Each structure stands twice: as C-alpha cells, then as structure tokens.
Amino acid sequence: MTLRDHNSTDEVVQFANNAEFDSSFPRQEQDYEKLSEYLEFNATYLVSMTIFDRAYQMYQEKMM
C-alpha cells in the first residue's frame, strides 16, 4: 500500500492502487502463500501474479 501513486503507470504501483479499493484485501496479512491465494481467486484487477511477486519482494526488502 505504501507504493500507491495515482499518477504512475508502473505495474506494481497500479496493483497497489487497485488493492487500495479492494475492501476484502487482507491488508494485515504478511504470509506470501495466503496473499497469493487471495489474489489468485479474488483479484480480477491483477493481470499477472509476477506483478505481485515483484511487489512482495520489494516489501520483504523494505522490512529487512
């Protein structure tokens, strides 16, 4: 969510923008598998899971 920018065309930023409006998105979840499963079954706004993979990697690097 920290990557949101409504003026950006970056795929990861667009994912963050769309997740902001997904009221069911598990914002407090940190587990990759649980987030991945949610997105695969519920996030029609995510065109490719590789975008989520990049976003999750960025999140992990930031948390170190």
PDB file of N, CA and C in Angstrom:
ATOM      1  N   MET A   1       0.813  -1.202   0.000  1.00  0.00           N
ATOM      2  CA  MET A   1       0.000   0.000   0.000  1.00  0.00           C
ATOM      3  C   MET A   1       0.856   1.265   0.000  1.00  0.00           C
ATOM      4  N   THR A   2       2.075   1.152   0.452  1.00  0.00           N
ATOM      5  CA  THR A   2       2.940   2.333   0.514  1.00  0.00           C
ATOM      6  C   THR A   2       3.389   2.778  -0.874  1.00  0.00           C
ATOM      7  N   LEU A   3       3.146   1.968  -1.880  1.00  0.00           N
ATOM      8  CA  LEU A   3       3.569   2.304  -3.240  1.00  0.00           C
ATOM      9  C   LEU A   3       2.495   3.020  -4.050  1.00  0.00           C
ATOM     10  N   ARG A   4       1.371   3.293  -3.447  1.00  0.00           N
ATOM     11  CA  ARG A   4       0.273   3.916  -4.184  1.00  0.00           C
ATOM     12  C   ARG A   4       0.678   5.281  -4.751  1.00  0.00           C
ATOM     13  N   ASP A   5       0.304   5.502  -5.986  1.00  0.00           N
ATOM     14  CA  ASP A   5       0.531   6.776  -6.663  1.00  0.00           C
ATOM     15  C   ASP A   5      -0.409   6.790  -7.857  1.00  0.00           C
ATOM     16  N   HIS A   6      -1.444   7.552  -7.774  1.00  0.00           N
ATOM     17  CA  HIS A   6      -2.479   7.538  -8.807  1.00  0.00           C
ATOM     18  C   HIS A   6      -2.036   8.180 -10.114  1.00  0.00           C
ATOM     19  N   ASN A   7      -0.829   8.716 -10.151  1.00  0.00           N
ATOM     20  CA  ASN A   7      -0.304   9.306 -11.383  1.00  0.00           C
ATOM     21  C   ASN A   7       0.718   8.409 -12.065  1.00  0.00           C
ATOM     22  N   SER A   8       1.016   7.263 -11.493  1.00  0.00           N
ATOM     23  CA  SER A   8       2.038   6.369 -12.031  1.00  0.00           C
ATOM     24  C   SER A   8       1.420   5.306 -12.928  1.00  0.00           C
ATOM     25  N   THR A   9       2.204   4.864 -13.902  1.00  0.00           N
ATOM     26  CA  THR A   9       1.760   3.777 -14.775  1.00  0.00           C
ATOM     27  C   THR A   9       2.516   2.476 -14.491  1.00  0.00           C
ATOM     28  N   ASP A  10       3.396   2.477 -13.487  1.00  0.00           N
ATOM     29  CA  ASP A  10       4.140   1.282 -13.110  1.00  0.00           C
ATOM     30  C   ASP A  10       3.162   0.188 -12.681  1.00  0.00           C
ATOM     31  N   GLU A  11       3.416  -1.052 -13.116  1.00  0.00           N
ATOM     32  CA  GLU A  11       2.502  -2.158 -12.821  1.00  0.00           C
ATOM     33  C   GLU A  11       2.358  -2.437 -11.327  1.00  0.00           C
ATOM     34  N   VAL A  12       3.443  -2.365 -10.593  1.00  0.00           N
ATOM     35  CA  VAL A  12       3.379  -2.616  -9.148  1.00  0.00           C
ATOM     36  C   VAL A  12       2.589  -1.506  -8.464  1.00  0.00           C
ATOM     37  N   VAL A  13       2.807  -0.284  -8.885  1.00  0.00           N
ATOM     38  CA  VAL A  13       2.071   0.849  -8.320  1.00  0.00           C
ATOM     39  C   VAL A  13       0.590   0.727  -8.651  1.00  0.00           C
ATOM     40  N   GLN A  14       0.264   0.328  -9.877  1.00  0.00           N
ATOM     41  CA  GLN A  14      -1.131   0.142 -10.258  1.00  0.00           C
ATOM     42  C   GLN A  14      -1.782  -0.966  -9.423  1.00  0.00           C
ATOM     43  N   PHE A  15      -1.023  -2.022  -9.139  1.00  0.00           N
ATOM     44  CA  PHE A  15      -1.519  -3.090  -8.258  1.00  0.00           C
ATOM     45  C   PHE A  15      -1.850  -2.516  -6.881  1.00  0.00           C
ATOM     46  N   ALA A  16      -0.945  -1.719  -6.336  1.00  0.00           N
ATOM     47  CA  ALA A  16      -1.175  -1.097  -5.025  1.00  0.00           C
ATOM     48  C   ALA A  16      -2.395  -0.184  -5.061  1.00  0.00           C
ATOM     49  N   ASN A  17      -2.528   0.571  -6.141  1.00  0.00           N
ATOM     50  CA  ASN A  17      -3.695   1.461  -6.290  1.00  0.00           C
ATOM     51  C   ASN A  17      -4.986   0.652  -6.290  1.00  0.00           C
ATOM     52  N   ASN A  18      -5.010  -0.428  -7.039  1.00  0.00           N
ATOM     53  CA  ASN A  18      -6.221  -1.250  -7.119  1.00  0.00           C
ATOM     54  C   ASN A  18      -6.504  -1.981  -5.812  1.00  0.00           C
ATOM     55  N   ALA A  19      -5.467  -2.452  -5.151  1.00  0.00           N
ATOM     56  CA  ALA A  19      -5.656  -3.148  -3.871  1.00  0.00           C
ATOM     57  C   ALA A  19      -6.233  -2.201  -2.821  1.00  0.00           C
ATOM     58  N   GLU A  20      -5.905  -0.925  -2.944  1.00  0.00           N
ATOM     59  CA  GLU A  20      -6.443   0.072  -2.007  1.00  0.00           C
ATOM     60  C   GLU A  20      -7.969   0.070  -2.021  1.00  0.00           C
ATOM     61  N   PHE A  21      -8.550  -0.155  -3.192  1.00  0.00           N
ATOM     62  CA  PHE A  21     -10.007  -0.113  -3.334  1.00  0.00           C
ATOM     63  C   PHE A  21     -10.670  -1.474  -3.157  1.00  0.00           C
ATOM     64  N   ASP A  22      -9.869  -2.509  -2.928  1.00  0.00           N
ATOM     65  CA  ASP A  22     -10.385  -3.856  -2.690  1.00  0.00           C
ATOM     66  C   ASP A  22     -10.659  -3.984  -1.192  1.00  0.00           C
ATOM     67  N   SER A  23     -11.897  -3.832  -0.814  1.00  0.00           N
ATOM     68  CA  SER A  23     -12.249  -3.820   0.612  1.00  0.00           C
ATOM     69  C   SER A  23     -11.982  -5.162   1.293  1.00  0.00           C
ATOM     70  N   SER A  24     -11.843  -6.234   0.540  1.00  0.00           N
ATOM     71  CA  SER A  24     -11.578  -7.551   1.121  1.00  0.00           C
ATOM     72  C   SER A  24     -10.098  -7.900   1.148  1.00  0.00           C
ATOM     73  N   PHE A  25      -9.255  -7.060   0.557  1.00  0.00           N
ATOM     74  CA  PHE A  25      -7.832  -7.361   0.507  1.00  0.00           C
ATOM     75  C   PHE A  25      -7.284  -7.496   1.927  1.00  0.00           C
ATOM     76  N   PRO A  26      -6.572  -8.589   2.214  1.00  0.00           N
ATOM     77  CA  PRO A  26      -6.053  -8.825   3.577  1.00  0.00           C
ATOM     78  C   PRO A  26      -4.831  -7.947   3.884  1.00  0.00           C
ATOM     79  N   ARG A  27      -5.067  -6.700   4.202  1.00  0.00           N
ATOM     80  CA  ARG A  27      -4.002  -5.708   4.375  1.00  0.00           C
ATOM     81  C   ARG A  27      -2.995  -6.043   5.472  1.00  0.00           C
ATOM     82  N   GLN A  28      -3.412  -6.736   6.493  1.00  0.00           N
ATOM     83  CA  GLN A  28      -2.522  -7.053   7.608  1.00  0.00           C
ATOM     84  C   GLN A  28      -1.778  -8.373   7.421  1.00  0.00           C
ATOM     85  N   GLU A  29      -2.153  -9.120   6.402  1.00  0.00           N
ATOM     86  CA  GLU A  29      -1.518 -10.427   6.144  1.00  0.00           C
ATOM     87  C   GLU A  29      -0.096 -10.229   5.633  1.00  0.00           C
ATOM     88  N   GLN A  30       0.825 -11.057   6.117  1.00  0.00           N
ATOM     89  CA  GLN A  30       2.218 -10.985   5.681  1.00  0.00           C
ATOM     90  C   GLN A  30       2.676 -12.264   4.994  1.00  0.00           C
ATOM     91  N   ASP A  31       1.922 -13.325   5.115  1.00  0.00           N
ATOM     92  CA  ASP A  31       2.288 -14.613   4.553  1.00  0.00           C
ATOM     93  C   ASP A  31       2.088 -14.619   3.034  1.00  0.00           C
ATOM     94  N   TYR A  32       3.163 -14.917   2.321  1.00  0.00           N
ATOM     95  CA  TYR A  32       3.130 -14.924   0.855  1.00  0.00           C
ATOM     96  C   TYR A  32       2.049 -15.855   0.322  1.00  0.00           C
ATOM     97  N   GLU A  33       1.995 -17.058   0.836  1.00  0.00           N
ATOM     98  CA  GLU A  33       1.042 -18.057   0.322  1.00  0.00           C
ATOM     99  C   GLU A  33      -0.406 -17.606   0.497  1.00  0.00           C
ATOM    100  N   LYS A  34      -0.721 -17.065   1.658  1.00  0.00           N
ATOM    101  CA  LYS A  34      -2.093 -16.612   1.907  1.00  0.00           C
ATOM    102  C   LYS A  34      -2.461 -15.435   1.009  1.00  0.00           C
ATOM    103  N   LEU A  35      -1.535 -14.499   0.850  1.00  0.00           N
ATOM    104  CA  LEU A  35      -1.785 -13.355  -0.032  1.00  0.00           C
ATOM    105  C   LEU A  35      -1.925 -13.812  -1.482  1.00  0.00           C
ATOM    106  N   SER A  36      -1.047 -14.688  -1.886  1.00  0.00           N
ATOM    107  CA  SER A  36      -1.068 -15.207  -3.250  1.00  0.00           C
ATOM    108  C   SER A  36      -2.393 -15.915  -3.545  1.00  0.00           C
ATOM    109  N   GLU A  37      -2.824 -16.731  -2.612  1.00  0.00           N
ATOM    110  CA  GLU A  37      -4.088 -17.443  -2.790  1.00  0.00           C
ATOM    111  C   GLU A  37      -5.257 -16.464  -2.901  1.00  0.00           C
ATOM    112  N   TYR A  38      -5.277 -15.470  -2.040  1.00  0.00           N
ATOM    113  CA  TYR A  38      -6.352 -14.478  -2.108  1.00  0.00           C
ATOM    114  C   TYR A  38      -6.371 -13.824  -3.490  1.00  0.00           C
ATOM    115  N   LEU A  39      -5.217 -13.397  -3.949  1.00  0.00           N
ATOM    116  CA  LEU A  39      -5.136 -12.698  -5.224  1.00  0.00           C
ATOM    117  C   LEU A  39      -5.526 -13.585  -6.398  1.00  0.00           C
ATOM    118  N   GLU A  40      -5.088 -14.834  -6.379  1.00  0.00           N
ATOM    119  CA  GLU A  40      -5.416 -15.743  -7.476  1.00  0.00           C
ATOM    120  C   GLU A  40      -6.913 -15.952  -7.623  1.00  0.00           C
ATOM    121  N   PHE A  41      -7.635 -15.975  -6.516  1.00  0.00           N
ATOM    122  CA  PHE A  41      -9.060 -16.272  -6.557  1.00  0.00           C
ATOM    123  C   PHE A  41      -9.964 -15.037  -6.520  1.00  0.00           C
ATOM    124  N   ASN A  42      -9.418 -13.872  -6.139  1.00  0.00           N
ATOM    125  CA  ASN A  42     -10.299 -12.728  -5.922  1.00  0.00           C
ATOM    126  C   ASN A  42      -9.919 -11.440  -6.630  1.00  0.00           C
ATOM    127  N   ALA A  43      -8.707 -11.314  -7.076  1.00  0.00           N
ATOM    128  CA  ALA A  43      -8.237 -10.021  -7.593  1.00  0.00           C
ATOM    129  C   ALA A  43      -8.267  -9.981  -9.112  1.00  0.00           C
ATOM    130  N   THR A  44      -9.411  -9.647  -9.646  1.00  0.00           N
ATOM    131  CA  THR A  44      -9.527  -9.545 -11.104  1.00  0.00           C
ATOM    132  C   THR A  44      -8.724  -8.373 -11.655  1.00  0.00           C
ATOM    133  N   TYR A  45      -8.315  -7.472 -10.788  1.00  0.00           N
ATOM    134  CA  TYR A  45      -7.535  -6.303 -11.205  1.00  0.00           C
ATOM    135  C   TYR A  45      -6.048  -6.606 -11.374  1.00  0.00           C
ATOM    136  N   LEU A  46      -5.601  -7.794 -10.982  1.00  0.00           N
ATOM    137  CA  LEU A  46      -4.192  -8.163 -11.089  1.00  0.00           C
ATOM    138  C   LEU A  46      -4.019  -8.991 -12.361  1.00  0.00           C
ATOM    139  N   VAL A  47      -3.366  -8.409 -13.357  1.00  0.00           N
ATOM    140  CA  VAL A  47      -3.256  -9.070 -14.660  1.00  0.00           C
ATOM    141  C   VAL A  47      -2.227 -10.196 -14.675  1.00  0.00           C
ATOM    142  N   SER A  48      -1.277 -10.191 -13.744  1.00  0.00           N
ATOM    143  CA  SER A  48      -0.247 -11.225 -13.694  1.00  0.00           C
ATOM    144  C   SER A  48       0.280 -11.362 -12.275  1.00  0.00           C
ATOM    145  N   MET A  49       0.458 -12.593 -11.847  1.00  0.00           N
ATOM    146  CA  MET A  49       0.983 -12.826 -10.499  1.00  0.00           C
ATOM    147  C   MET A  49       2.445 -12.406 -10.388  1.00  0.00           C
ATOM    148  N   THR A  50       3.135 -12.250 -11.502  1.00  0.00           N
ATOM    149  CA  THR A  50       4.520 -11.776 -11.431  1.00  0.00           C
ATOM    150  C   THR A  50       4.582 -10.348 -10.887  1.00  0.00           C
ATOM    151  N   ILE A  51       3.526  -9.590 -11.083  1.00  0.00           N
ATOM    152  CA  ILE A  51       3.454  -8.234 -10.512  1.00  0.00           C
ATOM    153  C   ILE A  51       3.403  -8.330  -8.992  1.00  0.00           C
ATOM    154  N   PHE A  52       2.577  -9.242  -8.483  1.00  0.00           N
ATOM    155  CA  PHE A  52       2.523  -9.451  -7.041  1.00  0.00           C
ATOM    156  C   PHE A  52       3.866  -9.947  -6.517  1.00  0.00           C
ATOM    157  N   ASP A  53       4.492 -10.857  -7.243  1.00  0.00           N
ATOM    158  CA  ASP A  53       5.802 -11.362  -6.823  1.00  0.00           C
ATOM    159  C   ASP A  53       6.809 -10.225  -6.672  1.00  0.00           C
ATOM    160  N   ARG A  54       6.827  -9.310  -7.626  1.00  0.00           N
ATOM    161  CA  ARG A  54       7.724  -8.149  -7.539  1.00  0.00           C
ATOM    162  C   ARG A  54       7.372  -7.281  -6.347  1.00  0.00           C
ATOM    163  N   ALA A  55       6.094  -7.033  -6.148  1.00  0.00           N
ATOM    164  CA  ALA A  55       5.652  -6.199  -5.026  1.00  0.00           C
ATOM    165  C   ALA A  55       6.016  -6.844  -3.699  1.00  0.00           C
ATOM    166  N   TYR A  56       5.836  -8.147  -3.594  1.00  0.00           N
ATOM    167  CA  TYR A  56       6.148  -8.849  -2.348  1.00  0.00           C
ATOM    168  C   TYR A  56       7.648  -8.827  -2.077  1.00  0.00           C
ATOM    169  N   GLN A  57       8.451  -8.987  -3.126  1.00  0.00           N
ATOM    170  CA  GLN A  57       9.902  -8.917  -2.966  1.00  0.00           C
ATOM    171  C   GLN A  57      10.319  -7.526  -2.489  1.00  0.00           C
ATOM    172  N   MET A  58       9.722  -6.495  -3.051  1.00  0.00           N
ATOM    173  CA  MET A  58      10.014  -5.126  -2.616  1.00  0.00           C
ATOM    174  C   MET A  58       9.630  -4.944  -1.148  1.00  0.00           C
ATOM    175  N   TYR A  59       8.488  -5.511  -0.756  1.00  0.00           N
ATOM    176  CA  TYR A  59       8.042  -5.439   0.635  1.00  0.00           C
ATOM    177  C   TYR A  59       9.040  -6.114   1.567  1.00  0.00           C
ATOM    178  N   GLN A  60       9.503  -7.314   1.180  1.00  0.00           N
ATOM    179  CA  GLN A  60      10.461  -8.035   2.014  1.00  0.00           C
ATOM    180  C   GLN A  60      11.766  -7.256   2.176  1.00  0.00           C
ATOM    181  N   GLU A  61      12.240  -6.668   1.098  1.00  0.00           N
ATOM    182  CA  GLU A  61      13.478  -5.888   1.158  1.00  0.00           C
ATOM    183  C   GLU A  61      13.324  -4.681   2.069  1.00  0.00           C
ATOM    184  N   LYS A  62      12.158  -4.065   2.020  1.00  0.00           N
ATOM    185  CA  LYS A  62      11.899  -2.897   2.863  1.00  0.00           C
ATOM    186  C   LYS A  62      11.838  -3.283   4.340  1.00  0.00           C
ATOM    187  N   MET A  63      11.349  -4.483   4.638  1.00  0.00           N
ATOM    188  CA  MET A  63      11.189  -4.914   6.020  1.00  0.00           C
ATOM    189  C   MET A  63      12.495  -5.377   6.652  1.00  0.00           C
ATOM    190  N   MET A  64      13.529  -5.583   5.857  1.00  0.00           N
ATOM    191  CA  MET A  64      14.824  -6.048   6.401  1.00  0.00           C
ATOM    192  C   MET A  64      15.572  -4.932   7.066  1.00  0.00           C
TER     193      MET A  64
END
